[in-house]
C-alpha atoms as a PDB file:
ATOM      1  CA  MET A   1       8.504  12.142   4.546  1.00  0.00           C
ATOM      2  CA  LYS A   2       8.797   9.808   1.575  1.00  0.00           C
ATOM      3  CA  TYR A   3       9.796  10.751  -1.941  1.00  0.00           C
ATOM      4  CA  GLN A   4       9.064   9.442  -5.407  1.00  0.00           C
ATOM      5  CA  ILE A   5      10.366  10.183  -8.864  1.00  0.00           C
ATOM      6  CA  LYS A   6       7.887  12.038 -11.042  1.00  0.00           C
ATOM      7  CA  SER A   7       6.427   9.471 -13.431  1.00  0.00           C
ATOM      8  CA  ALA A   8       7.504  11.361 -16.572  1.00  0.00           C
ATOM      9  CA  TYR A   9      11.161  10.952 -15.530  1.00  0.00           C
ATOM     10  CA  LEU A  10      11.196   7.455 -13.989  1.00  0.00           C
ATOM     11  CA  GLY A  11      14.154   5.565 -15.460  1.00  0.00           C
ATOM     12  CA  LYS A  12      14.980   8.381 -17.886  1.00  0.00           C
ATOM     13  CA  VAL A  13      17.196  10.697 -15.807  1.00  0.00           C
ATOM     14  CA  ARG A  14      20.690  10.417 -14.350  1.00  0.00           C
ATOM     15  CA  LEU A  15      21.830  13.169 -11.974  1.00  0.00           C
ATOM     16  CA  GLU A  16      25.589  13.714 -11.692  1.00  0.00           C
ATOM     17  CA  ASP A  17      27.752  15.535  -9.178  1.00  0.00           C
ATOM     18  CA  GLY A  18      31.451  15.619  -8.360  1.00  0.00           C
ATOM     19  CA  SER A  19      31.322  12.277  -6.540  1.00  0.00           C
ATOM     20  CA  GLY A  20      29.298  10.210  -9.010  1.00  0.00           C
ATOM     21  CA  SER A  21      25.907   9.824 -10.632  1.00  0.00           C
ATOM     22  CA  THR A  22      22.496   8.482  -9.681  1.00  0.00           C
ATOM     23  CA  SER A  23      19.927   6.986 -12.030  1.00  0.00           C
ATOM     24  CA  LEU A  24      16.410   7.917 -11.002  1.00  0.00           C
ATOM     25  CA  ASP A  25      14.488   4.664 -11.194  1.00  0.00           C
ATOM     26  CA  GLU A  26      12.416   2.345  -9.001  1.00  0.00           C
ATOM     27  CA  ASN A  27      15.598   1.119  -7.248  1.00  0.00           C
ATOM     28  CA  THR A  28      16.751   4.549  -6.024  1.00  0.00           C
ATOM     29  CA  PRO A  29      16.854   4.430  -2.184  1.00  0.00           C
ATOM     30  CA  GLN A  30      14.666   6.826  -0.182  1.00  0.00           C
ATOM     31  CA  ALA A  31      17.738   8.335   1.518  1.00  0.00           C
ATOM     32  CA  THR A  32      19.174   9.223  -1.890  1.00  0.00           C
ATOM     33  CA  LEU A  33      15.878  10.710  -3.070  1.00  0.00           C
ATOM     34  CA  ALA A  34      15.666  12.805   0.116  1.00  0.00           C
ATOM     35  CA  LYS A  35      19.207  14.120  -0.380  1.00  0.00           C
ATOM     36  CA  LEU A  36      18.597  14.923  -4.047  1.00  0.00           C
ATOM     37  CA  PHE A  37      15.241  16.579  -3.283  1.00  0.00           C
ATOM     38  CA  ASP A  38      17.135  19.148  -1.202  1.00  0.00           C
ATOM     39  CA  THR A  39      18.768  20.444  -4.407  1.00  0.00           C
ATOM     40  CA  VAL A  40      17.210  22.837  -6.920  1.00  0.00           C
ATOM     41  CA  LEU A  41      17.691  20.356  -9.757  1.00  0.00           C
ATOM     42  CA  GLY A  42      16.338  17.435  -7.735  1.00  0.00           C
ATOM     43  CA  LYS A  43      13.032  19.240  -7.146  1.00  0.00           C
ATOM     44  CA  GLU A  44      12.438  19.118 -10.919  1.00  0.00           C
ATOM     45  CA  TYR A  45      12.459  15.300 -10.931  1.00  0.00           C
ATOM     46  CA  ILE A  46      11.447  14.224  -7.405  1.00  0.00           C
ATOM     47  CA  GLU A  47       8.294  14.940  -5.416  1.00  0.00           C
ATOM     48  CA  PRO A  48       7.411  14.358  -1.767  1.00  0.00           C
ATOM     49  CA  VAL A  49       4.555  12.046  -0.826  1.00  0.00           C
ATOM     50  CA  ALA A  50       2.922  11.666   2.565  1.00  0.00           C
ATOM     51  CA  ALA A  51       4.412   8.743   4.489  1.00  0.00           C
ATOM     52  CA  GLY A  52       0.965   7.290   5.190  1.00  0.00           C
ATOM     53  CA  ALA A  53      -0.517   8.046   1.764  1.00  0.00           C
ATOM     54  CA  PRO A  54      -2.765   5.262   0.521  1.00  0.00           C
ATOM     55  CA  VAL A  55      -1.552   3.216  -2.391  1.00  0.00           C
ATOM     56  CA  ALA A  56      -4.011   2.304  -5.128  1.00  0.00           C
ATOM     57  CA  PRO A  57      -4.837  -1.400  -4.779  1.00  0.00           C
ATOM     58  CA  VAL A  58      -3.907  -3.844  -7.512  1.00  0.00           C
ATOM     59  CA  VAL A  59      -6.875  -5.988  -8.467  1.00  0.00           C
ATOM     60  CA  ALA A  60      -6.330  -9.303 -10.200  1.00  0.00           C
ATOM     61  CA  THR A  61      -8.907 -10.255 -12.783  1.00  0.00           C
ATOM     62  CA  GLN A  62      -9.806 -13.694 -14.037  1.00  0.00           C
ATOM     63  CA  PRO A  63      -9.732 -14.312 -17.787  1.00  0.00           C
ATOM     64  CA  LYS A  64     -13.148 -15.038 -19.293  1.00  0.00           C
END
């Protein structure tokens, strides 16, 4: 299972516990997201995604 930060919170939230804090951004490791998702608070900011879910392709366009 893979996890992602809900887009409304990406880069805007820092979760803290007794051992430190974690900023929820594009650099947050999957292992950290998985651990945080197991908490009640983490479920508010993180969502699971299917491991094989297709990613929308990026299409380059040529200027006219």
